[in-house]
Structures are given as C-alpha cells and as structure tokens.
C-alpha atoms as a PDB file:
ATOM      1  CA  MET A   1     -32.811 -33.211  53.318  1.00  0.00           C
ATOM      2  CA  ASN A   2     -33.039 -33.309  57.122  1.00  0.00           C
ATOM      3  CA  ALA A   3     -35.397 -31.257  59.303  1.00  0.00           C
ATOM      4  CA  THR A   4     -32.796 -28.567  60.046  1.00  0.00           C
ATOM      5  CA  GLN A   5     -32.000 -28.091  56.351  1.00  0.00           C
ATOM      6  CA  SER A   6     -35.726 -27.926  55.564  1.00  0.00           C
ATOM      7  CA  ARG A   7     -36.211 -25.233  58.207  1.00  0.00           C
ATOM      8  CA  LYS A   8     -33.296 -23.165  56.900  1.00  0.00           C
ATOM      9  CA  GLY A   9     -34.745 -23.493  53.412  1.00  0.00           C
ATOM     10  CA  ARG A  10     -38.117 -22.203  54.608  1.00  0.00           C
ATOM     11  CA  ILE A  11     -36.449 -19.274  56.379  1.00  0.00           C
ATOM     12  CA  ALA A  12     -34.501 -18.358  53.238  1.00  0.00           C
ATOM     13  CA  GLU A  13     -37.609 -18.638  51.064  1.00  0.00           C
ATOM     14  CA  ALA A  14     -39.716 -16.545  53.465  1.00  0.00           C
ATOM     15  CA  PHE A  15     -37.210 -13.698  53.623  1.00  0.00           C
ATOM     16  CA  SER A  16     -36.581 -13.804  49.870  1.00  0.00           C
ATOM     17  CA  SER A  17     -40.315 -13.549  49.203  1.00  0.00           C
ATOM     18  CA  ARG A  18     -40.545 -10.356  51.295  1.00  0.00           C
ATOM     19  CA  ALA A  19     -37.304  -8.686  50.178  1.00  0.00           C
ATOM     20  CA  GLY A  20     -39.064  -6.163  47.944  1.00  0.00           C
ATOM     21  CA  VAL A  21     -41.283  -4.836  50.745  1.00  0.00           C
ATOM     22  CA  TYR A  22     -39.158  -5.693  53.787  1.00  0.00           C
ATOM     23  CA  ASP A  23     -37.964  -2.133  54.445  1.00  0.00           C
ATOM     24  CA  ARG A  24     -41.544  -0.858  54.881  1.00  0.00           C
ATOM     25  CA  SER A  25     -42.051  -2.993  58.004  1.00  0.00           C
ATOM     26  CA  ALA A  26     -38.507  -3.052  59.387  1.00  0.00           C
ATOM     27  CA  ASP A  27     -38.376   0.064  61.589  1.00  0.00           C
ATOM     28  CA  LEU A  28     -37.093  -1.909  64.556  1.00  0.00           C
ATOM     29  CA  GLN A  29     -34.500  -3.712  62.427  1.00  0.00           C
ATOM     30  CA  TRP A  30     -33.193  -0.361  61.180  1.00  0.00           C
ATOM     31  CA  LEU A  31     -33.084   0.970  64.758  1.00  0.00           C
ATOM     32  CA  ILE A  32     -31.071  -1.999  66.039  1.00  0.00           C
ATOM     33  CA  ALA A  33     -28.673  -1.912  63.081  1.00  0.00           C
ATOM     34  CA  THR A  34     -28.068   1.782  63.794  1.00  0.00           C
ATOM     35  CA  ARG A  35     -27.431   1.166  67.485  1.00  0.00           C
ATOM     36  CA  LEU A  36     -25.055  -1.693  66.712  1.00  0.00           C
ATOM     37  CA  ALA A  37     -23.188   0.474  64.202  1.00  0.00           C
ATOM     38  CA  GLU A  38     -22.760   3.138  66.877  1.00  0.00           C
ATOM     39  CA  ARG A  39     -21.003   0.558  69.064  1.00  0.00           C
ATOM     40  CA  ILE A  40     -18.456  -0.213  66.351  1.00  0.00           C
ATOM     41  CA  GLU A  41     -15.814   2.497  66.540  1.00  0.00           C
ATOM     42  CA  PRO A  42     -13.597   2.717  63.416  1.00  0.00           C
ATOM     43  CA  ALA A  43     -10.644   3.956  65.484  1.00  0.00           C
ATOM     44  CA  ARG A  44     -10.363   0.535  67.127  1.00  0.00           C
ATOM     45  CA  PHE A  45      -9.515  -1.197  63.848  1.00  0.00           C
ATOM     46  CA  VAL A  46      -6.740  -1.160  61.260  1.00  0.00           C
ATOM     47  CA  TYR A  47      -7.017   1.318  58.378  1.00  0.00           C
ATOM     48  CA  ARG A  48      -8.214  -1.230  55.841  1.00  0.00           C
ATOM     49  CA  PRO A  49     -10.046  -3.877  57.892  1.00  0.00           C
ATOM     50  CA  ARG A  50     -11.429  -7.090  56.449  1.00  0.00           C
ATOM     51  CA  ILE A  51     -15.100  -7.154  57.458  1.00  0.00           C
ATOM     52  CA  LEU A  52     -17.580 -10.045  57.256  1.00  0.00           C
ATOM     53  CA  GLU A  53     -21.297  -9.497  57.801  1.00  0.00           C
ATOM     54  CA  ILE A  54     -23.573 -12.431  58.591  1.00  0.00           C
ATOM     55  CA  GLY A  55     -27.203 -11.921  57.560  1.00  0.00           C
ATOM     56  CA  CYS A  56     -26.872  -8.581  55.774  1.00  0.00           C
ATOM     57  CA  GLY A  57     -30.557  -8.516  54.781  1.00  0.00           C
ATOM     58  CA  THR A  58     -31.350  -5.473  52.665  1.00  0.00           C
ATOM     59  CA  GLY A  59     -28.237  -3.670  53.873  1.00  0.00           C
ATOM     60  CA  PHE A  60     -29.187  -1.686  56.986  1.00  0.00           C
ATOM     61  CA  LEU A  61     -25.971  -2.365  58.911  1.00  0.00           C
ATOM     62  CA  SER A  62     -23.920  -2.713  55.714  1.00  0.00           C
ATOM     63  CA  SER A  63     -24.714   0.841  54.636  1.00  0.00           C
ATOM     64  CA  HIS A  64     -23.703   2.234  58.032  1.00  0.00           C
ATOM     65  CA  LEU A  65     -20.403   0.357  57.981  1.00  0.00           C
ATOM     66  CA  LYS A  66     -19.625   1.279  54.387  1.00  0.00           C
ATOM     67  CA  LYS A  67     -19.625   4.937  55.476  1.00  0.00           C
ATOM     68  CA  ALA A  68     -17.636   4.261  58.646  1.00  0.00           C
ATOM     69  CA  PHE A  69     -15.027   2.091  56.875  1.00  0.00           C
ATOM     70  CA  PRO A  70     -14.715   3.453  53.310  1.00  0.00           C
ATOM     71  CA  ALA A  71     -11.434   1.596  52.701  1.00  0.00           C
ATOM     72  CA  ALA A  72     -12.550  -1.745  54.137  1.00  0.00           C
ATOM     73  CA  ASP A  73     -12.618  -5.076  52.320  1.00  0.00           C
ATOM     74  CA  PHE A  74     -16.217  -6.251  52.803  1.00  0.00           C
ATOM     75  CA  VAL A  75     -17.796  -9.684  52.439  1.00  0.00           C
ATOM     76  CA  LEU A  76     -21.570  -9.377  52.852  1.00  0.00           C
ATOM     77  CA  THR A  77     -23.575 -12.595  53.221  1.00  0.00           C
ATOM     78  CA  ASP A  78     -27.146 -13.744  53.577  1.00  0.00           C
ATOM     79  CA  VAL A  79     -29.069 -17.001  53.342  1.00  0.00           C
ATOM     80  CA  ALA A  80     -31.830 -15.419  51.197  1.00  0.00           C
ATOM     81  CA  PRO A  81     -30.924 -14.618  47.559  1.00  0.00           C
ATOM     82  CA  SER A  82     -33.390 -11.755  47.124  1.00  0.00           C
ATOM     83  CA  MET A  83     -32.230 -10.100  50.339  1.00  0.00           C
ATOM     84  CA  LEU A  84     -28.670 -10.240  49.049  1.00  0.00           C
ATOM     85  CA  ASP A  85     -29.796  -8.621  45.791  1.00  0.00           C
ATOM     86  CA  ARG A  86     -31.483  -5.791  47.703  1.00  0.00           C
ATOM     87  CA  CYS A  87     -28.349  -5.264  49.773  1.00  0.00           C
ATOM     88  CA  ARG A  88     -26.293  -5.023  46.587  1.00  0.00           C
ATOM     89  CA  GLN A  89     -28.686  -2.359  45.270  1.00  0.00           C
ATOM     90  CA  ARG A  90     -28.379  -0.322  48.491  1.00  0.00           C
ATOM     91  CA  VAL A  91     -24.648  -0.635  49.161  1.00  0.00           C
ATOM     92  CA  GLY A  92     -23.377  -0.823  45.585  1.00  0.00           C
ATOM     93  CA  ARG A  93     -20.104  -1.982  44.146  1.00  0.00           C
ATOM     94  CA  GLY A  94     -17.023  -2.754  46.176  1.00  0.00           C
ATOM     95  CA  PRO A  95     -18.137  -5.425  48.654  1.00  0.00           C
ATOM     96  CA  ARG A  96     -18.188  -9.095  47.725  1.00  0.00           C
ATOM     97  CA  TYR A  97     -21.655 -10.615  48.089  1.00  0.00           C
ATOM     98  CA  ARG A  98     -22.021 -14.272  49.101  1.00  0.00           C
ATOM     99  CA  LEU A  99     -25.070 -16.510  49.455  1.00  0.00           C
ATOM    100  CA  LEU A 100     -24.228 -18.250  52.716  1.00  0.00           C
ATOM    101  CA  ASP A 101     -25.681 -19.896  55.805  1.00  0.00           C
ATOM    102  CA  GLY A 102     -23.842 -17.935  58.478  1.00  0.00           C
ATOM    103  CA  GLU A 103     -24.153 -20.787  60.956  1.00  0.00           C
ATOM    104  CA  ARG A 104     -21.962 -22.912  58.670  1.00  0.00           C
ATOM    105  CA  PRO A 105     -19.652 -20.370  56.959  1.00  0.00           C
ATOM    106  CA  LEU A 106     -17.912 -22.674  54.500  1.00  0.00           C
ATOM    107  CA  GLY A 107     -15.387 -21.444  51.965  1.00  0.00           C
ATOM    108  CA  LEU A 108     -14.472 -18.171  53.673  1.00  0.00           C
ATOM    109  CA  PRO A 109     -10.932 -17.070  54.592  1.00  0.00           C
ATOM    110  CA  CYS A 110      -9.992 -17.259  58.274  1.00  0.00           C
ATOM    111  CA  SER A 111      -8.691 -13.727  58.512  1.00  0.00           C
ATOM    112  CA  PHE A 112     -11.388 -11.175  59.274  1.00  0.00           C
ATOM    113  CA  ASP A 113     -10.617  -8.199  61.494  1.00  0.00           C
ATOM    114  CA  LEU A 114     -14.307  -7.653  62.195  1.00  0.00           C
ATOM    115  CA  ILE A 115     -17.336  -9.950  61.965  1.00  0.00           C
ATOM    116  CA  VAL A 116     -20.727  -8.294  62.432  1.00  0.00           C
ATOM    117  CA  SER A 117     -24.339  -9.407  62.523  1.00  0.00           C
ATOM    118  CA  SER A 118     -27.578  -7.617  63.330  1.00  0.00           C
ATOM    119  CA  LEU A 119     -30.626  -9.747  64.212  1.00  0.00           C
ATOM    120  CA  ALA A 120     -29.536 -12.855  62.332  1.00  0.00           C
ATOM    121  CA  PHE A 121     -28.050 -15.124  65.010  1.00  0.00           C
ATOM    122  CA  GLN A 122     -31.511 -15.902  66.425  1.00  0.00           C
ATOM    123  CA  TRP A 123     -32.119 -18.009  63.306  1.00  0.00           C
ATOM    124  CA  PHE A 124     -29.195 -20.325  64.126  1.00  0.00           C
ATOM    125  CA  ASP A 125     -30.219 -23.830  65.175  1.00  0.00           C
ATOM    126  CA  ASP A 126     -27.179 -24.152  67.471  1.00  0.00           C
ATOM    127  CA  LEU A 127     -25.958 -20.682  68.434  1.00  0.00           C
ATOM    128  CA  GLY A 128     -22.963 -21.912  70.430  1.00  0.00           C
ATOM    129  CA  ALA A 129     -21.615 -24.057  67.597  1.00  0.00           C
ATOM    130  CA  GLY A 130     -22.256 -21.281  65.082  1.00  0.00           C
ATOM    131  CA  LEU A 131     -20.345 -18.755  67.180  1.00  0.00           C
ATOM    132  CA  ASP A 132     -17.452 -21.206  67.508  1.00  0.00           C
ATOM    133  CA  ARG A 133     -17.204 -21.484  63.728  1.00  0.00           C
ATOM    134  CA  LEU A 134     -17.362 -17.732  63.237  1.00  0.00           C
ATOM    135  CA  ARG A 135     -14.814 -17.107  65.967  1.00  0.00           C
ATOM    136  CA  ASP A 136     -12.386 -19.315  64.027  1.00  0.00           C
ATOM    137  CA  LEU A 137     -12.659 -16.874  61.102  1.00  0.00           C
ATOM    138  CA  LEU A 138     -11.303 -13.973  63.151  1.00  0.00           C
ATOM    139  CA  ALA A 139      -7.761 -12.755  62.590  1.00  0.00           C
ATOM    140  CA  PRO A 140      -5.558 -12.324  65.679  1.00  0.00           C
ATOM    141  CA  ASN A 141      -6.927  -9.378  67.702  1.00  0.00           C
ATOM    142  CA  GLY A 142     -10.115  -9.515  65.606  1.00  0.00           C
ATOM    143  CA  ARG A 143     -13.573  -8.803  67.006  1.00  0.00           C
ATOM    144  CA  MET A 144     -17.076 -10.137  66.493  1.00  0.00           C
ATOM    145  CA  MET A 145     -19.820  -7.604  67.272  1.00  0.00           C
ATOM    146  CA  PHE A 146     -23.493  -8.471  67.033  1.00  0.00           C
ATOM    147  CA  ALA A 147     -27.088  -7.876  68.050  1.00  0.00           C
ATOM    148  CA  THR A 148     -29.421 -10.812  68.590  1.00  0.00           C
ATOM    149  CA  LEU A 149     -32.630 -11.630  70.447  1.00  0.00           C
ATOM    150  CA  GLY A 150     -32.731 -12.497  74.143  1.00  0.00           C
ATOM    151  CA  CYS A 151     -35.020 -14.602  76.301  1.00  0.00           C
ATOM    152  CA  LYS A 152     -37.578 -11.882  77.097  1.00  0.00           C
ATOM    153  CA  THR A 153     -38.441 -11.417  73.423  1.00  0.00           C
ATOM    154  CA  PHE A 154     -42.190 -11.802  72.795  1.00  0.00           C
ATOM    155  CA  ALA A 155     -42.881 -12.592  76.459  1.00  0.00           C
ATOM    156  CA  GLU A 156     -46.395 -11.200  75.989  1.00  0.00           C
ATOM    157  CA  TRP A 157     -47.026 -13.552  73.046  1.00  0.00           C
ATOM    158  CA  ARG A 158     -45.897 -16.531  75.133  1.00  0.00           C
ATOM    159  CA  ASP A 159     -48.142 -15.396  78.007  1.00  0.00           C
ATOM    160  CA  ALA A 160     -51.130 -15.135  75.679  1.00  0.00           C
ATOM    161  CA  HIS A 161     -50.563 -18.707  74.505  1.00  0.00           C
ATOM    162  CA  ALA A 162     -50.215 -19.951  78.077  1.00  0.00           C
ATOM    163  CA  ALA A 163     -53.416 -18.193  79.144  1.00  0.00           C
ATOM    164  CA  CYS A 164     -55.283 -20.090  76.426  1.00  0.00           C
ATOM    165  CA  GLY A 165     -53.551 -23.379  77.219  1.00  0.00           C
ATOM    166  CA  PHE A 166     -51.574 -23.450  73.952  1.00  0.00           C
ATOM    167  CA  ASP A 167     -47.958 -24.234  73.165  1.00  0.00           C
ATOM    168  CA  CYS A 168     -45.999 -21.315  71.702  1.00  0.00           C
ATOM    169  CA  GLY A 169     -43.676 -21.722  68.725  1.00  0.00           C
ATOM    170  CA  THR A 170     -41.371 -18.839  69.654  1.00  0.00           C
ATOM    171  CA  PRO A 171     -37.765 -20.106  70.014  1.00  0.00           C
ATOM    172  CA  ASP A 172     -36.015 -20.191  73.390  1.00  0.00           C
ATOM    173  CA  TYR A 173     -33.534 -17.338  73.080  1.00  0.00           C
ATOM    174  CA  PRO A 174     -30.594 -17.042  75.521  1.00  0.00           C
ATOM    175  CA  SER A 175     -30.464 -14.868  78.608  1.00  0.00           C
ATOM    176  CA  MET A 176     -27.524 -12.761  79.720  1.00  0.00           C
ATOM    177  CA  GLU A 177     -26.525 -15.621  82.024  1.00  0.00           C
ATOM    178  CA  THR A 178     -26.976 -18.535  79.605  1.00  0.00           C
ATOM    179  CA  PHE A 179     -25.436 -17.010  76.481  1.00  0.00           C
ATOM    180  CA  PRO A 180     -23.341 -19.747  74.772  1.00  0.00           C
ATOM    181  CA  TRP A 181     -19.927 -18.112  74.544  1.00  0.00           C
ATOM    182  CA  PRO A 182     -17.217 -19.672  72.364  1.00  0.00           C
ATOM    183  CA  ALA A 183     -13.674 -20.248  73.681  1.00  0.00           C
ATOM    184  CA  GLU A 184     -13.204 -16.578  74.635  1.00  0.00           C
ATOM    185  CA  ARG A 185     -15.941 -15.191  76.812  1.00  0.00           C
ATOM    186  CA  GLY A 186     -17.101 -11.787  75.587  1.00  0.00           C
ATOM    187  CA  ARG A 187     -19.275  -9.009  76.933  1.00  0.00           C
ATOM    188  CA  LEU A 188     -23.018  -8.408  76.606  1.00  0.00           C
ATOM    189  CA  GLU A 189     -25.320  -5.451  77.000  1.00  0.00           C
ATOM    190  CA  GLU A 190     -29.095  -5.705  76.903  1.00  0.00           C
ATOM    191  CA  GLU A 191     -31.943  -3.458  75.862  1.00  0.00           C
ATOM    192  CA  LEU A 192     -35.715  -3.888  75.942  1.00  0.00           C
ATOM    193  CA  VAL A 193     -37.582  -2.348  73.023  1.00  0.00           C
ATOM    194  CA  ARG A 194     -41.368  -2.463  73.105  1.00  0.00           C
ATOM    195  CA  GLN A 195     -43.632  -2.054  70.099  1.00  0.00           C
ATOM    196  CA  THR A 196     -47.391  -1.544  70.365  1.00  0.00           C
ATOM    197  CA  TYR A 197     -49.846  -2.938  67.814  1.00  0.00           C
ATOM    198  CA  PRO A 198     -53.585  -2.320  67.444  1.00  0.00           C
ATOM    199  CA  SER A 199     -54.203  -6.048  67.981  1.00  0.00           C
ATOM    200  CA  GLY A 200     -52.548  -9.433  68.088  1.00  0.00           C
ATOM    201  CA  HIS A 201     -53.540  -9.898  64.470  1.00  0.00           C
ATOM    202  CA  ASP A 202     -51.510  -6.830  63.522  1.00  0.00           C
ATOM    203  CA  PHE A 203     -48.510  -8.212  65.397  1.00  0.00           C
ATOM    204  CA  VAL A 204     -48.690 -11.483  63.445  1.00  0.00           C
ATOM    205  CA  LYS A 205     -49.189  -9.569  60.210  1.00  0.00           C
ATOM    206  CA  SER A 206     -46.065  -7.496  60.893  1.00  0.00           C
ATOM    207  CA  LEU A 207     -43.933 -10.639  61.346  1.00  0.00           C
ATOM    208  CA  LYS A 208     -45.258 -12.126  58.123  1.00  0.00           C
ATOM    209  CA  ALA A 209     -44.493  -8.873  56.300  1.00  0.00           C
ATOM    210  CA  LEU A 210     -40.862  -9.305  57.327  1.00  0.00           C
ATOM    211  CA  GLY A 211     -40.725 -12.995  56.454  1.00  0.00           C
ATOM    212  CA  ALA A 212     -40.059 -13.751  60.127  1.00  0.00           C
ATOM    213  CA  GLY A 213     -42.833 -16.208  60.909  1.00  0.00           C
ATOM    214  CA  GLU A 214     -40.913 -19.502  61.019  1.00  0.00           C
ATOM    215  CA  PRO A 215     -41.483 -21.231  64.412  1.00  0.00           C
ATOM    216  CA  ILE A 216     -39.093 -23.369  66.419  1.00  0.00           C
ATOM    217  CA  LEU A 217     -38.156 -26.706  64.891  1.00  0.00           C
ATOM    218  CA  GLY A 218     -40.833 -29.333  65.504  1.00  0.00           C
ATOM    219  CA  HIS A 219     -43.628 -26.905  66.472  1.00  0.00           C
ATOM    220  CA  ARG A 220     -47.067 -27.691  65.082  1.00  0.00           C
ATOM    221  CA  PRO A 221     -49.123 -24.636  64.092  1.00  0.00           C
ATOM    222  CA  LEU A 222     -52.322 -24.117  66.039  1.00  0.00           C
ATOM    223  CA  PRO A 223     -55.548 -25.285  64.369  1.00  0.00           C
ATOM    224  CA  ALA A 224     -57.461 -22.432  62.741  1.00  0.00           C
ATOM    225  CA  GLY A 225     -60.099 -22.307  65.481  1.00  0.00           C
ATOM    226  CA  ALA A 226     -57.539 -22.217  68.268  1.00  0.00           C
ATOM    227  CA  PHE A 227     -55.580 -19.485  66.517  1.00  0.00           C
ATOM    228  CA  ARG A 228     -58.740 -17.376  66.142  1.00  0.00           C
ATOM    229  CA  ARG A 229     -59.399 -17.834  69.861  1.00  0.00           C
ATOM    230  CA  LEU A 230     -55.868 -16.677  70.652  1.00  0.00           C
ATOM    231  CA  LEU A 231     -56.180 -13.562  68.476  1.00  0.00           C
ATOM    232  CA  ALA A 232     -59.632 -12.805  69.925  1.00  0.00           C
ATOM    233  CA  SER A 233     -57.990 -12.495  73.345  1.00  0.00           C
ATOM    234  CA  LEU A 234     -55.699  -9.770  71.930  1.00  0.00           C
ATOM    235  CA  GLU A 235     -58.201  -7.599  70.065  1.00  0.00           C
ATOM    236  CA  ARG A 236     -57.815  -4.539  72.311  1.00  0.00           C
ATOM    237  CA  GLY A 237     -54.193  -3.835  71.624  1.00  0.00           C
ATOM    238  CA  PHE A 238     -50.983  -5.796  71.967  1.00  0.00           C
ATOM    239  CA  THR A 239     -47.479  -4.849  73.069  1.00  0.00           C
ATOM    240  CA  ALA A 240     -44.508  -6.991  72.071  1.00  0.00           C
ATOM    241  CA  THR A 241     -41.130  -6.858  73.783  1.00  0.00           C
ATOM    242  CA  TYR A 242     -37.910  -7.235  71.809  1.00  0.00           C
ATOM    243  CA  HIS A 243     -35.075  -8.192  74.143  1.00  0.00           C
ATOM    244  CA  ILE A 244     -31.880  -7.158  72.351  1.00  0.00           C
ATOM    245  CA  LEU A 245     -28.483  -8.540  73.317  1.00  0.00           C
ATOM    246  CA  TYR A 246     -25.506  -6.553  72.009  1.00  0.00           C
ATOM    247  CA  GLY A 247     -22.351  -8.619  72.203  1.00  0.00           C
ATOM    248  CA  GLU A 248     -18.638  -8.475  71.500  1.00  0.00           C
ATOM    249  CA  ILE A 249     -16.171 -11.348  71.246  1.00  0.00           C
ATOM    250  CA  ARG A 250     -12.445 -10.743  70.839  1.00  0.00           C
ATOM    251  CA  ARG A 251      -9.825 -13.146  69.606  1.00  0.00           C
END
C-alpha cells in the first residue's frame, strides 16, 4: 500500500469511527449542504435525472435532493462504510449506495445528468485529476455542482503556527484563480463562514469529533510540548474561517 492509499484509508477510518456522533458537531456541514442544494434548481434538469453524489456522509445533501428530485435515479457514495450506513438510515430505500473513493470512481456508468458533492473534494489528493474523471461520467448537457474548501480556510490556524515557528499540516486548498478546472471551465462563487470557539483546543476537538483531523500527506505531527505551546497561545478564544467555493461544471 502506498502513502496515498494509506492516507485515504486513515480518512475513511476516521470518518467511520465518528459516524454515530457526526451530526452533533456538523452544523457548518449542514449549512453548506443546504446552501448548495438551494443552488441546484430542479427545473434545469430532466424529469427523472440520474444523480451521483460523491461523499454523501450521513446524508445532509442527499436528503435535500431526495425531496427536490423525488423521481430521480440516485447513486450515493462515500469512502467511509459507517457514513454510508448512516446515510442509508436517513434517506431510506430507493437510492443505490456504493462504497467508493470519489477521486477514482471506478465501475460507475458514464451517464449522469447531475453529479454533486458537498465538502468532500478537499480530501482528494489530486483535485484536477479527480474532477477530470468525474467530468467523464457526465451525460451530454450534464452538470457537476459542488462545494469545497478554498485557500483562506483556517487562515487563523496557519497564522498561529507561523507565529510559533511551526509548520502547519492544513492542506493547500485552491483559490478562485488557481482552481484546477477540467476540460470545460466552469463557474465559481465564494463565501467566507467564520466560526468562533472558546479556545484553540475546542477548535481541534471539533475537528476530531467530525473525523476531520487528517493532515496533508507527509506532515509530521507536532511534538506534545510544541502542540501545548501552540494551544496556549489560543486560550482566549479562537475564530476559524471556512472559505467555501461553490462550483458548477457543464458538459
């Protein structure tokens, strides 16, 4: 198993381990799924669209779309087995559920009218290549609509590391200008959402509660003493920025 496969395995295991309590800490994830769903207008699609979701999690976006497209043919996928089980419990019968790494969507038909994803693409190791593969699954006139993290995400966390002279393990997310479009260039909108925590420790705790603590590939965790020093600098409150990119790609 190579390093990339090992990382994807850790991500899947982390999210699976938190599936039962994920919804308690996922207010922002619910908010973004709702805002993405509002951007997907049923009138723009055929009566019975074929819809693929990448990274369905516990079913936040899936449940919105099931109401908006009651006649649709759904394929809901996730890399974490327990997350997929929770989605099945929320959304119910009808959709097909697939355990799948959305970055390498093997074994799926190339004929989806709509591909959607809410806060899953940031876990791709090569976003551009992953988008290329997903774009190839779109039917003629199909659309891919998504929300993912942008470059300003956790800027405060990066600054705190820099102030202490530490390297930060937060991935380098794309900007509006550097987004890796596939063959057809799409459109992007951005939004900054800020969440306030009592301390840096509470921020870290919230990420662990979601299963979202996996750092960039190759990053070495800080020694315990250095990490305590970092958190000590954030004891009087901490605000974290989530830079959300809403995108659409048409074929």
